[in-house]
Structures are given as structure tokens and as C-alpha cells.
């Protein structure tokens, strides 16, 4: 397995006034990462920035692995055709930057005013057809596309697995986020054991957990789908059982990137550094039964 980091992990350090998108590449390489993912942002306003990113990555001997992009294929603001065209533009950018993968959101869910026909299966034909159209376009560009367990509506393993198998295209797979299953109140190790065979790419994320029966812990915590509490943690410090999930991934034959995605309250550079150290320990360790 190789180690990567998401630009999201750098928080304020990734801003224009700090490291910026090129500085983040340089910093990730300096910290010892082999790959980097980028979230969509200001750098994507100019297609020539993709060339600058590709050149900087080559200079720093680090791989741009993936772009993670926001989208809503279920309730697009300007219609589904326009949303697909917009995402195709992002795929073009990722290809020009030299990435292998694009992860895009699929849906944010239903308006609460709708009181029927609001199940995942009701939305599945629309979002699966759009995902298939996007991945066919991306395939021509040498890019694989992915869904992620992200955004509450399409987050638990049963729904994500159903989407992947409905799209049923070899170019479309899964960005497995170890911690994100907890947002849907799912045991991450159980979910990882189900979804590991679908993984194109993996984000290593950890969360502190508190029961929804407790008083709100305060700043930095957010609520899960079932109103439990989570707060971002340094990898290995939280309750996502990251080490056990890595063991499951190894047993499933996964040998791609494990990418640090940190969103804790600690300083971002510290959180990334300590998370990487733990991640390397977890990768190198092996339980033999």
C-alpha cells in the first residue's frame, strides 16, 4: 500500500494566502507522502492550473491520484444535463492534471416536504444512469470515476453497494472512506468488510464518538444520521478502528493508496503528521492467525 493525503486535510494551510494549491503539493511530498488528492476549489477556475499542478507534482516526485468533486445528480440546481456537463468539465481538468480517479457526489437526498416515494430505490435509476454516463465519458479520458460513502443519503454500505452494482460498469467503483460509515451510524469494520472488494481508492479518516444519549459535547462535534456525535480525530486516536479496517483491506487484496483525510480540531499539519506516522505503523503491522 502507498500513502497519500487529501488537500482537504491541510485546512487553512491550503488557502491562497498560505501554501496555495502548488505549495500543498510541495508540502505533501516534503512530509513523505507518495500521492495527493485534491478537493475542487479556486484552482479549478483556470484550466491552465491543471498543467501547473501536473508539473509541480512531477517536480516533487509525487502522484496526483484523485479529485473529489461536489455534485447533485438527483436534484441538480440547473437541470441534470447541465450538471453532467459541469462534471465533465471537472473530469477534463483532472485528466489534464494527470489524475487517475475522480470521486463525485451523487445526491444530497429529498426535500423534507416529500412524504412518499422518497426511498433510495426511488432515486437509484436517475443517479445510476447519470453515474454511468459520466464514467463512460471519463473512460475516454483515462479516468476512473467513483462514488464515496459521503453525504448521509448515499453513505451506508447497503446503499453504496446497490449503486455500484446498478451502474454495473468496470470504470465505476468506490472511494472507501473508513471513518465516514460512522456518519450513517454503521460499524466501520463491518461496512469495510462488505465494501472492500469494490474499492478503487481509500481514505483513512478517524472520528471521536459520543452517544446521542449524552449532552451535546459542544464545539467541533456534529451529528450523525441517528443523532449520535462525531468529531474529527487524528488517525489512530479515535473510534473508527482504522487499524482493523486496514487489516480487512489487506485480506481483501487491496494494494492501492491509503490517503490521510484529517478534519480534527488540532493544527492541520500536526494532525497530518501524526496520522501519517500511525498509518505507516498500521500498514507495516500484520496480524497472523
C-alpha atoms as a PDB file:
ATOM      1  CA  UNK A   1       0.000   0.000   0.000  1.00  0.00           C
ATOM      2  CA  UNK A   2       1.061   3.590  -0.661  1.00  0.00           C
ATOM      3  CA  UNK A   3       0.302   6.611   1.497  1.00  0.00           C
ATOM      4  CA  UNK A   4      -1.421   9.745   0.263  1.00  0.00           C
ATOM      5  CA  UNK A   5      -3.004  12.881   1.681  1.00  0.00           C
ATOM      6  CA  UNK A   6      -6.049  14.916   0.695  1.00  0.00           C
ATOM      7  CA  UNK A   7      -5.633  18.663   0.185  1.00  0.00           C
ATOM      8  CA  UNK A   8      -8.731  18.933   2.404  1.00  0.00           C
ATOM      9  CA  UNK A   9      -6.590  17.805   5.338  1.00  0.00           C
ATOM     10  CA  UNK A  10      -4.493  20.978   5.177  1.00  0.00           C
ATOM     11  CA  UNK A  11      -7.445  23.216   6.042  1.00  0.00           C
ATOM     12  CA  UNK A  12      -6.389  26.874   6.232  1.00  0.00           C
ATOM     13  CA  UNK A  13      -2.884  25.977   5.057  1.00  0.00           C
ATOM     14  CA  UNK A  14      -4.299  25.237   1.583  1.00  0.00           C
ATOM     15  CA  UNK A  15      -5.697  28.760   1.138  1.00  0.00           C
ATOM     16  CA  UNK A  16      -4.420  31.215  -1.465  1.00  0.00           C
ATOM     17  CA  UNK A  17      -2.811  33.276   1.286  1.00  0.00           C
ATOM     18  CA  UNK A  18      -0.865  30.353   2.726  1.00  0.00           C
ATOM     19  CA  UNK A  19       0.600  27.346   0.894  1.00  0.00           C
ATOM     20  CA  UNK A  20      -1.839  27.517  -2.002  1.00  0.00           C
ATOM     21  CA  UNK A  21      -2.580  24.558  -4.254  1.00  0.00           C
ATOM     22  CA  UNK A  22       1.015  24.251  -5.522  1.00  0.00           C
ATOM     23  CA  UNK A  23       2.502  24.665  -2.057  1.00  0.00           C
ATOM     24  CA  UNK A  24       0.289  21.864  -0.768  1.00  0.00           C
ATOM     25  CA  UNK A  25       1.817  19.518  -3.358  1.00  0.00           C
ATOM     26  CA  UNK A  26       5.315  20.515  -2.255  1.00  0.00           C
ATOM     27  CA  UNK A  27       4.436  20.165   1.445  1.00  0.00           C
ATOM     28  CA  UNK A  28       2.852  16.731   0.957  1.00  0.00           C
ATOM     29  CA  UNK A  29       5.989  15.473  -0.790  1.00  0.00           C
ATOM     30  CA  UNK A  30       8.183  17.001   1.928  1.00  0.00           C
ATOM     31  CA  UNK A  31       6.164  15.132   4.578  1.00  0.00           C
ATOM     32  CA  UNK A  32       6.827  11.818   2.826  1.00  0.00           C
ATOM     33  CA  UNK A  33       3.554  11.156   1.019  1.00  0.00           C
ATOM     34  CA  UNK A  34       3.601   9.301  -2.284  1.00  0.00           C
ATOM     35  CA  UNK A  35       0.276  10.667  -3.549  1.00  0.00           C
ATOM     36  CA  UNK A  36      -2.136  13.549  -3.118  1.00  0.00           C
ATOM     37  CA  UNK A  37      -5.879  14.046  -3.685  1.00  0.00           C
ATOM     38  CA  UNK A  38      -7.481  17.409  -4.354  1.00  0.00           C
ATOM     39  CA  UNK A  39     -10.926  18.697  -3.485  1.00  0.00           C
ATOM     40  CA  UNK A  40     -12.482  21.056  -6.020  1.00  0.00           C
ATOM     41  CA  UNK A  41     -11.791  24.708  -5.348  1.00  0.00           C
ATOM     42  CA  UNK A  42     -10.456  28.009  -6.586  1.00  0.00           C
ATOM     43  CA  UNK A  43      -7.608  26.364  -8.511  1.00  0.00           C
ATOM     44  CA  UNK A  44     -10.149  24.822 -10.914  1.00  0.00           C
ATOM     45  CA  UNK A  45     -11.253  28.242 -12.182  1.00  0.00           C
ATOM     46  CA  UNK A  46      -8.416  28.161 -14.721  1.00  0.00           C
ATOM     47  CA  UNK A  47      -7.725  25.045 -16.824  1.00  0.00           C
ATOM     48  CA  UNK A  48      -4.061  26.055 -17.058  1.00  0.00           C
ATOM     49  CA  UNK A  49      -3.748  25.439 -13.329  1.00  0.00           C
ATOM     50  CA  UNK A  50      -4.100  21.743 -14.134  1.00  0.00           C
ATOM     51  CA  UNK A  51      -0.848  21.977 -16.114  1.00  0.00           C
ATOM     52  CA  UNK A  52       0.847  23.760 -13.213  1.00  0.00           C
ATOM     53  CA  UNK A  53      -0.326  21.052 -10.801  1.00  0.00           C
ATOM     54  CA  UNK A  54       0.900  18.252 -13.047  1.00  0.00           C
ATOM     55  CA  UNK A  55       4.290  19.927 -13.499  1.00  0.00           C
ATOM     56  CA  UNK A  56       4.690  20.633  -9.766  1.00  0.00           C
ATOM     57  CA  UNK A  57       3.790  17.031  -8.895  1.00  0.00           C
ATOM     58  CA  UNK A  58       6.403  15.736 -11.356  1.00  0.00           C
ATOM     59  CA  UNK A  59       8.975  18.137  -9.913  1.00  0.00           C
ATOM     60  CA  UNK A  60       8.224  16.902  -6.369  1.00  0.00           C
ATOM     61  CA  UNK A  61       8.040  13.220  -7.389  1.00  0.00           C
ATOM     62  CA  UNK A  62       4.507  12.822  -6.025  1.00  0.00           C
ATOM     63  CA  UNK A  63       1.434  11.474  -7.812  1.00  0.00           C
ATOM     64  CA  UNK A  64      -1.837  13.373  -8.176  1.00  0.00           C
ATOM     65  CA  UNK A  65      -4.144  10.441  -7.532  1.00  0.00           C
ATOM     66  CA  UNK A  66      -7.700  11.782  -7.428  1.00  0.00           C
ATOM     67  CA  UNK A  67     -10.005  14.778  -7.472  1.00  0.00           C
ATOM     68  CA  UNK A  68     -13.076  14.802  -5.226  1.00  0.00           C
ATOM     69  CA  UNK A  69     -15.895  16.899  -6.620  1.00  0.00           C
ATOM     70  CA  UNK A  70     -19.249  18.101  -5.344  1.00  0.00           C
ATOM     71  CA  UNK A  71     -22.377  17.261  -7.329  1.00  0.00           C
ATOM     72  CA  UNK A  72     -26.075  16.500  -7.041  1.00  0.00           C
ATOM     73  CA  UNK A  73     -27.398  14.158  -9.727  1.00  0.00           C
ATOM     74  CA  UNK A  74     -30.768  13.816  -8.021  1.00  0.00           C
ATOM     75  CA  UNK A  75     -31.803  17.454  -7.547  1.00  0.00           C
ATOM     76  CA  UNK A  76     -29.377  19.487  -9.691  1.00  0.00           C
ATOM     77  CA  UNK A  77     -29.733  23.241  -9.427  1.00  0.00           C
ATOM     78  CA  UNK A  78     -29.803  23.871 -13.190  1.00  0.00           C
ATOM     79  CA  UNK A  79     -31.068  20.524 -14.504  1.00  0.00           C
ATOM     80  CA  UNK A  80     -29.383  17.154 -14.914  1.00  0.00           C
ATOM     81  CA  UNK A  81     -27.935  17.809 -18.390  1.00  0.00           C
ATOM     82  CA  UNK A  82     -26.152  20.942 -17.163  1.00  0.00           C
ATOM     83  CA  UNK A  83     -24.911  19.137 -14.050  1.00  0.00           C
ATOM     84  CA  UNK A  84     -23.454  16.334 -16.167  1.00  0.00           C
ATOM     85  CA  UNK A  85     -21.745  18.843 -18.491  1.00  0.00           C
ATOM     86  CA  UNK A  86     -20.330  20.673 -15.477  1.00  0.00           C
ATOM     87  CA  UNK A  87     -18.919  17.424 -14.091  1.00  0.00           C
ATOM     88  CA  UNK A  88     -17.481  16.503 -17.477  1.00  0.00           C
ATOM     89  CA  UNK A  89     -15.540  19.770 -17.332  1.00  0.00           C
ATOM     90  CA  UNK A  90     -14.106  18.725 -13.964  1.00  0.00           C
ATOM     91  CA  UNK A  91     -13.172  15.332 -15.408  1.00  0.00           C
ATOM     92  CA  UNK A  92     -11.325  17.122 -18.233  1.00  0.00           C
ATOM     93  CA  UNK A  93      -9.435  19.147 -15.618  1.00  0.00           C
ATOM     94  CA  UNK A  94      -8.499  16.053 -13.599  1.00  0.00           C
ATOM     95  CA  UNK A  95      -7.261  14.274 -16.709  1.00  0.00           C
ATOM     96  CA  UNK A  96      -5.125  17.253 -17.685  1.00  0.00           C
ATOM     97  CA  UNK A  97      -3.650  17.357 -14.161  1.00  0.00           C
ATOM     98  CA  UNK A  98      -2.663  13.695 -14.532  1.00  0.00           C
ATOM     99  CA  UNK A  99      -5.050  12.153 -12.014  1.00  0.00           C
ATOM    100  CA  UNK A 100      -6.247   8.548 -12.165  1.00  0.00           C
ATOM    101  CA  UNK A 101      -9.596   8.984 -10.435  1.00  0.00           C
ATOM    102  CA  UNK A 102     -12.491  11.380  -9.951  1.00  0.00           C
ATOM    103  CA  UNK A 103     -14.825  10.966  -6.998  1.00  0.00           C
ATOM    104  CA  UNK A 104     -18.093  12.835  -7.330  1.00  0.00           C
ATOM    105  CA  UNK A 105     -21.097  13.189  -5.046  1.00  0.00           C
ATOM    106  CA  UNK A 106     -24.312  11.608  -6.281  1.00  0.00           C
ATOM    107  CA  UNK A 107     -27.182  13.070  -4.225  1.00  0.00           C
ATOM    108  CA  UNK A 108     -27.975  15.056  -1.107  1.00  0.00           C
ATOM    109  CA  UNK A 109     -31.389  13.487  -0.501  1.00  0.00           C
ATOM    110  CA  UNK A 110     -35.026  14.533  -0.579  1.00  0.00           C
ATOM    111  CA  UNK A 111     -36.748  17.722   0.448  1.00  0.00           C
ATOM    112  CA  UNK A 112     -38.464  17.046   3.777  1.00  0.00           C
ATOM    113  CA  UNK A 113     -41.787  18.187   2.319  1.00  0.00           C
ATOM    114  CA  UNK A 114     -41.926  14.957   0.273  1.00  0.00           C
ATOM    115  CA  UNK A 115     -43.777  12.323   2.287  1.00  0.00           C
ATOM    116  CA  UNK A 116     -43.764   9.376  -0.120  1.00  0.00           C
ATOM    117  CA  UNK A 117     -41.643   7.864  -2.909  1.00  0.00           C
ATOM    118  CA  UNK A 118     -38.531   9.068  -1.087  1.00  0.00           C
ATOM    119  CA  UNK A 119     -36.608   5.806  -0.689  1.00  0.00           C
ATOM    120  CA  UNK A 120     -33.123   5.203  -2.060  1.00  0.00           C
ATOM    121  CA  UNK A 121     -34.577   2.848  -4.664  1.00  0.00           C
ATOM    122  CA  UNK A 122     -36.806   5.651  -5.969  1.00  0.00           C
ATOM    123  CA  UNK A 123     -33.754   7.809  -6.709  1.00  0.00           C
ATOM    124  CA  UNK A 124     -31.494   4.989  -7.876  1.00  0.00           C
ATOM    125  CA  UNK A 125     -32.413   4.870 -11.603  1.00  0.00           C
ATOM    126  CA  UNK A 126     -31.739   8.594 -12.074  1.00  0.00           C
ATOM    127  CA  UNK A 127     -28.445   8.735 -10.215  1.00  0.00           C
ATOM    128  CA  UNK A 128     -27.181   5.389 -11.589  1.00  0.00           C
ATOM    129  CA  UNK A 129     -27.864   6.414 -15.186  1.00  0.00           C
ATOM    130  CA  UNK A 130     -26.057   9.718 -14.642  1.00  0.00           C
ATOM    131  CA  UNK A 131     -23.098   7.972 -12.981  1.00  0.00           C
ATOM    132  CA  UNK A 132     -22.905   5.581 -15.936  1.00  0.00           C
ATOM    133  CA  UNK A 133     -22.936   8.437 -18.435  1.00  0.00           C
ATOM    134  CA  UNK A 134     -20.193  10.236 -16.518  1.00  0.00           C
ATOM    135  CA  UNK A 135     -17.978   7.179 -16.195  1.00  0.00           C
ATOM    136  CA  UNK A 136     -18.262   6.407 -19.910  1.00  0.00           C
ATOM    137  CA  UNK A 137     -17.118   9.953 -20.636  1.00  0.00           C
ATOM    138  CA  UNK A 138     -14.287   9.665 -18.092  1.00  0.00           C
ATOM    139  CA  UNK A 139     -13.149   6.339 -19.534  1.00  0.00           C
ATOM    140  CA  UNK A 140     -12.337   8.099 -22.794  1.00  0.00           C
ATOM    141  CA  UNK A 141     -10.071  10.451 -20.815  1.00  0.00           C
ATOM    142  CA  UNK A 142      -8.264   7.651 -18.973  1.00  0.00           C
ATOM    143  CA  UNK A 143     -10.076   8.449 -15.705  1.00  0.00           C
ATOM    144  CA  UNK A 144     -11.986   6.064 -13.450  1.00  0.00           C
ATOM    145  CA  UNK A 145     -14.929   7.533 -11.523  1.00  0.00           C
ATOM    146  CA  UNK A 146     -16.035   6.689  -8.007  1.00  0.00           C
ATOM    147  CA  UNK A 147     -18.816   7.166  -5.540  1.00  0.00           C
ATOM    148  CA  UNK A 148     -17.975   7.632  -1.868  1.00  0.00           C
ATOM    149  CA  UNK A 149     -19.772   6.832   1.373  1.00  0.00           C
ATOM    150  CA  UNK A 150     -20.416  10.525   1.878  1.00  0.00           C
ATOM    151  CA  UNK A 151     -23.243  12.980   2.437  1.00  0.00           C
ATOM    152  CA  UNK A 152     -25.689  10.945   4.616  1.00  0.00           C
ATOM    153  CA  UNK A 153     -28.134   9.986   1.846  1.00  0.00           C
ATOM    154  CA  UNK A 154     -25.782   7.654  -0.039  1.00  0.00           C
ATOM    155  CA  UNK A 155     -23.451   6.750   2.811  1.00  0.00           C
ATOM    156  CA  UNK A 156     -24.156   3.363   4.343  1.00  0.00           C
ATOM    157  CA  UNK A 157     -22.711   0.222   2.757  1.00  0.00           C
ATOM    158  CA  UNK A 158     -26.061  -1.219   1.612  1.00  0.00           C
ATOM    159  CA  UNK A 159     -26.921   1.875  -0.428  1.00  0.00           C
ATOM    160  CA  UNK A 160     -23.446   2.413  -1.871  1.00  0.00           C
ATOM    161  CA  UNK A 161     -23.124  -1.253  -2.847  1.00  0.00           C
ATOM    162  CA  UNK A 162     -26.523  -1.088  -4.537  1.00  0.00           C
ATOM    163  CA  UNK A 163     -25.500   1.992  -6.531  1.00  0.00           C
ATOM    164  CA  UNK A 164     -22.241   0.431  -7.744  1.00  0.00           C
ATOM    165  CA  UNK A 165     -23.984  -2.758  -8.805  1.00  0.00           C
ATOM    166  CA  UNK A 166     -26.752  -0.814 -10.553  1.00  0.00           C
ATOM    167  CA  UNK A 167     -24.273   1.288 -12.526  1.00  0.00           C
ATOM    168  CA  UNK A 168     -22.532  -2.022 -13.344  1.00  0.00           C
ATOM    169  CA  UNK A 169     -19.619  -0.544 -15.285  1.00  0.00           C
ATOM    170  CA  UNK A 170     -15.987  -1.589 -14.871  1.00  0.00           C
ATOM    171  CA  UNK A 171     -14.867   2.050 -14.902  1.00  0.00           C
ATOM    172  CA  UNK A 172     -17.080   2.989 -11.922  1.00  0.00           C
ATOM    173  CA  UNK A 173     -16.167   1.949  -8.404  1.00  0.00           C
ATOM    174  CA  UNK A 174     -15.760   3.030  -4.824  1.00  0.00           C
ATOM    175  CA  UNK A 175     -13.753   5.545  -2.834  1.00  0.00           C
ATOM    176  CA  UNK A 176     -13.916   3.820   0.538  1.00  0.00           C
ATOM    177  CA  UNK A 177     -13.707   6.272   3.448  1.00  0.00           C
ATOM    178  CA  UNK A 178     -13.042   4.242   6.597  1.00  0.00           C
ATOM    179  CA  UNK A 179     -14.453   6.811   9.019  1.00  0.00           C
ATOM    180  CA  UNK A 180     -17.413   8.052   7.014  1.00  0.00           C
ATOM    181  CA  UNK A 181     -19.507   4.952   7.667  1.00  0.00           C
ATOM    182  CA  UNK A 182     -19.852   6.239  11.221  1.00  0.00           C
ATOM    183  CA  UNK A 183     -21.794   9.248   9.873  1.00  0.00           C
ATOM    184  CA  UNK A 184     -24.509   6.766   8.919  1.00  0.00           C
ATOM    185  CA  UNK A 185     -24.189   5.034  12.323  1.00  0.00           C
ATOM    186  CA  UNK A 186     -22.622   1.946  10.798  1.00  0.00           C
ATOM    187  CA  UNK A 187     -19.825  -0.094  12.355  1.00  0.00           C
ATOM    188  CA  UNK A 188     -16.899   0.828  10.079  1.00  0.00           C
ATOM    189  CA  UNK A 189     -15.228  -2.580  10.211  1.00  0.00           C
ATOM    190  CA  UNK A 190     -18.420  -4.369   9.197  1.00  0.00           C
ATOM    191  CA  UNK A 191     -19.012  -1.865   6.399  1.00  0.00           C
ATOM    192  CA  UNK A 192     -15.394  -2.052   5.211  1.00  0.00           C
ATOM    193  CA  UNK A 193     -15.611  -5.858   5.110  1.00  0.00           C
ATOM    194  CA  UNK A 194     -18.639  -5.563   2.799  1.00  0.00           C
ATOM    195  CA  UNK A 195     -17.259  -2.807   0.577  1.00  0.00           C
ATOM    196  CA  UNK A 196     -13.535  -3.664   0.351  1.00  0.00           C
ATOM    197  CA  UNK A 197     -13.931  -5.670  -2.894  1.00  0.00           C
ATOM    198  CA  UNK A 198     -15.343  -2.574  -4.629  1.00  0.00           C
ATOM    199  CA  UNK A 199     -12.566  -0.184  -3.554  1.00  0.00           C
ATOM    200  CA  UNK A 200     -10.619   1.697  -6.225  1.00  0.00           C
ATOM    201  CA  UNK A 201      -9.180   4.090  -3.641  1.00  0.00           C
ATOM    202  CA  UNK A 202      -9.276   4.509   0.168  1.00  0.00           C
ATOM    203  CA  UNK A 203      -9.403   7.493   2.527  1.00  0.00           C
ATOM    204  CA  UNK A 204      -8.189   6.877   6.059  1.00  0.00           C
ATOM    205  CA  UNK A 205     -10.231   9.020   8.435  1.00  0.00           C
ATOM    206  CA  UNK A 206     -10.872   8.743  12.154  1.00  0.00           C
ATOM    207  CA  UNK A 207     -13.593  10.133  14.432  1.00  0.00           C
ATOM    208  CA  UNK A 208     -14.187  10.511  18.131  1.00  0.00           C
ATOM    209  CA  UNK A 209     -17.664   9.189  19.027  1.00  0.00           C
ATOM    210  CA  UNK A 210     -20.216  10.011  21.721  1.00  0.00           C
ATOM    211  CA  UNK A 211     -23.697   8.596  22.132  1.00  0.00           C
ATOM    212  CA  UNK A 212     -26.719  10.697  21.235  1.00  0.00           C
ATOM    213  CA  UNK A 213     -27.949   9.924  24.753  1.00  0.00           C
ATOM    214  CA  UNK A 214     -25.249  12.298  26.051  1.00  0.00           C
ATOM    215  CA  UNK A 215     -25.453  16.082  26.217  1.00  0.00           C
ATOM    216  CA  UNK A 216     -24.088  17.803  23.095  1.00  0.00           C
ATOM    217  CA  UNK A 217     -20.301  17.895  23.636  1.00  0.00           C
ATOM    218  CA  UNK A 218     -20.020  21.360  22.056  1.00  0.00           C
ATOM    219  CA  UNK A 219     -17.717  22.961  19.519  1.00  0.00           C
ATOM    220  CA  UNK A 220     -16.231  20.709  16.849  1.00  0.00           C
ATOM    221  CA  UNK A 221     -18.828  17.933  17.097  1.00  0.00           C
ATOM    222  CA  UNK A 222     -21.524  17.178  14.538  1.00  0.00           C
ATOM    223  CA  UNK A 223     -24.474  14.812  14.497  1.00  0.00           C
ATOM    224  CA  UNK A 224     -24.766  11.556  12.612  1.00  0.00           C
ATOM    225  CA  UNK A 225     -27.846  10.412  10.750  1.00  0.00           C
ATOM    226  CA  UNK A 226     -29.195   8.933  14.009  1.00  0.00           C
ATOM    227  CA  UNK A 227     -28.159  11.941  16.156  1.00  0.00           C
ATOM    228  CA  UNK A 228     -25.033  10.485  17.706  1.00  0.00           C
ATOM    229  CA  UNK A 229     -21.994  12.790  17.908  1.00  0.00           C
ATOM    230  CA  UNK A 230     -18.731  12.705  15.938  1.00  0.00           C
ATOM    231  CA  UNK A 231     -15.626  14.865  15.928  1.00  0.00           C
ATOM    232  CA  UNK A 232     -12.683  14.528  13.586  1.00  0.00           C
ATOM    233  CA  UNK A 233      -9.649  12.760  15.092  1.00  0.00           C
ATOM    234  CA  UNK A 234      -6.010  12.102  14.296  1.00  0.00           C
ATOM    235  CA  UNK A 235      -5.795   8.674  12.655  1.00  0.00           C
ATOM    236  CA  UNK A 236      -5.481   6.085  15.420  1.00  0.00           C
ATOM    237  CA  UNK A 237      -6.758   8.399  18.182  1.00  0.00           C
ATOM    238  CA  UNK A 238     -10.464   7.907  17.517  1.00  0.00           C
ATOM    239  CA  UNK A 239     -13.111   5.197  17.386  1.00  0.00           C
ATOM    240  CA  UNK A 240     -13.177   4.281  13.679  1.00  0.00           C
ATOM    241  CA  UNK A 241     -10.973   1.212  14.251  1.00  0.00           C
ATOM    242  CA  UNK A 242      -8.686   2.216  11.395  1.00  0.00           C
ATOM    243  CA  UNK A 243      -6.097  -0.481  12.085  1.00  0.00           C
ATOM    244  CA  UNK A 244      -8.695  -3.256  11.924  1.00  0.00           C
ATOM    245  CA  UNK A 245     -10.107  -1.813   8.691  1.00  0.00           C
ATOM    246  CA  UNK A 246      -6.637  -1.817   7.130  1.00  0.00           C
ATOM    247  CA  UNK A 247      -6.290  -5.477   8.065  1.00  0.00           C
ATOM    248  CA  UNK A 248      -9.618  -6.160   6.335  1.00  0.00           C
ATOM    249  CA  UNK A 249      -8.445  -4.293   3.232  1.00  0.00           C
ATOM    250  CA  UNK A 250      -5.209  -6.301   3.189  1.00  0.00           C
ATOM    251  CA  UNK A 251      -7.162  -9.557   3.427  1.00  0.00           C
ATOM    252  CA  UNK A 252      -9.345  -8.421   0.515  1.00  0.00           C
ATOM    253  CA  UNK A 253      -6.236  -7.868  -1.613  1.00  0.00           C
ATOM    254  CA  UNK A 254      -6.365  -4.075  -1.710  1.00  0.00           C
ATOM    255  CA  UNK A 255      -2.921  -2.637  -2.514  1.00  0.00           C
ATOM    256  CA  UNK A 256      -3.677   0.926  -3.611  1.00  0.00           C
ATOM    257  CA  UNK A 257      -3.397   4.218  -1.754  1.00  0.00           C
ATOM    258  CA  UNK A 258      -4.368   4.880   1.844  1.00  0.00           C
ATOM    259  CA  UNK A 259      -4.955   8.627   1.863  1.00  0.00           C
ATOM    260  CA  UNK A 260      -4.989  10.688   5.044  1.00  0.00           C
ATOM    261  CA  UNK A 261      -8.135  12.781   5.373  1.00  0.00           C
ATOM    262  CA  UNK A 262      -7.899  14.787   8.583  1.00  0.00           C
ATOM    263  CA  UNK A 263     -10.641  17.102   9.858  1.00  0.00           C
ATOM    264  CA  UNK A 264      -9.893  17.324  13.570  1.00  0.00           C
ATOM    265  CA  UNK A 265      -9.545  20.317  15.902  1.00  0.00           C
ATOM    266  CA  UNK A 266      -5.758  20.002  16.197  1.00  0.00           C
ATOM    267  CA  UNK A 267      -3.415  22.013  13.985  1.00  0.00           C
ATOM    268  CA  UNK A 268      -3.711  20.556  10.491  1.00  0.00           C
ATOM    269  CA  UNK A 269      -0.001  19.961   9.925  1.00  0.00           C
ATOM    270  CA  UNK A 270       0.270  18.222  13.300  1.00  0.00           C
ATOM    271  CA  UNK A 271      -2.825  16.132  12.589  1.00  0.00           C
ATOM    272  CA  UNK A 272      -1.497  15.066   9.201  1.00  0.00           C
ATOM    273  CA  UNK A 273       1.987  14.284  10.529  1.00  0.00           C
ATOM    274  CA  UNK A 274       0.787  12.174  13.461  1.00  0.00           C
ATOM    275  CA  UNK A 275      -1.855  10.495  11.318  1.00  0.00           C
ATOM    276  CA  UNK A 276       0.748   9.507   8.735  1.00  0.00           C
ATOM    277  CA  UNK A 277       3.026   8.045  11.410  1.00  0.00           C
ATOM    278  CA  UNK A 278       0.191   5.891  12.749  1.00  0.00           C
ATOM    279  CA  UNK A 279      -0.973   4.945   9.279  1.00  0.00           C
ATOM    280  CA  UNK A 280       2.501   3.688   8.364  1.00  0.00           C
ATOM    281  CA  UNK A 281       2.632   1.636  11.571  1.00  0.00           C
ATOM    282  CA  UNK A 282      -0.759   0.109  10.784  1.00  0.00           C
ATOM    283  CA  UNK A 283       0.262  -0.752   7.218  1.00  0.00           C
ATOM    284  CA  UNK A 284       3.547  -2.347   8.276  1.00  0.00           C
ATOM    285  CA  UNK A 285       1.981  -4.354  11.115  1.00  0.00           C
ATOM    286  CA  UNK A 286       0.335  -7.668  10.328  1.00  0.00           C
ATOM    287  CA  UNK A 287      -1.799  -9.930  12.499  1.00  0.00           C
ATOM    288  CA  UNK A 288      -1.179 -13.557  11.578  1.00  0.00           C
ATOM    289  CA  UNK A 289      -3.759 -16.087  12.657  1.00  0.00           C
END
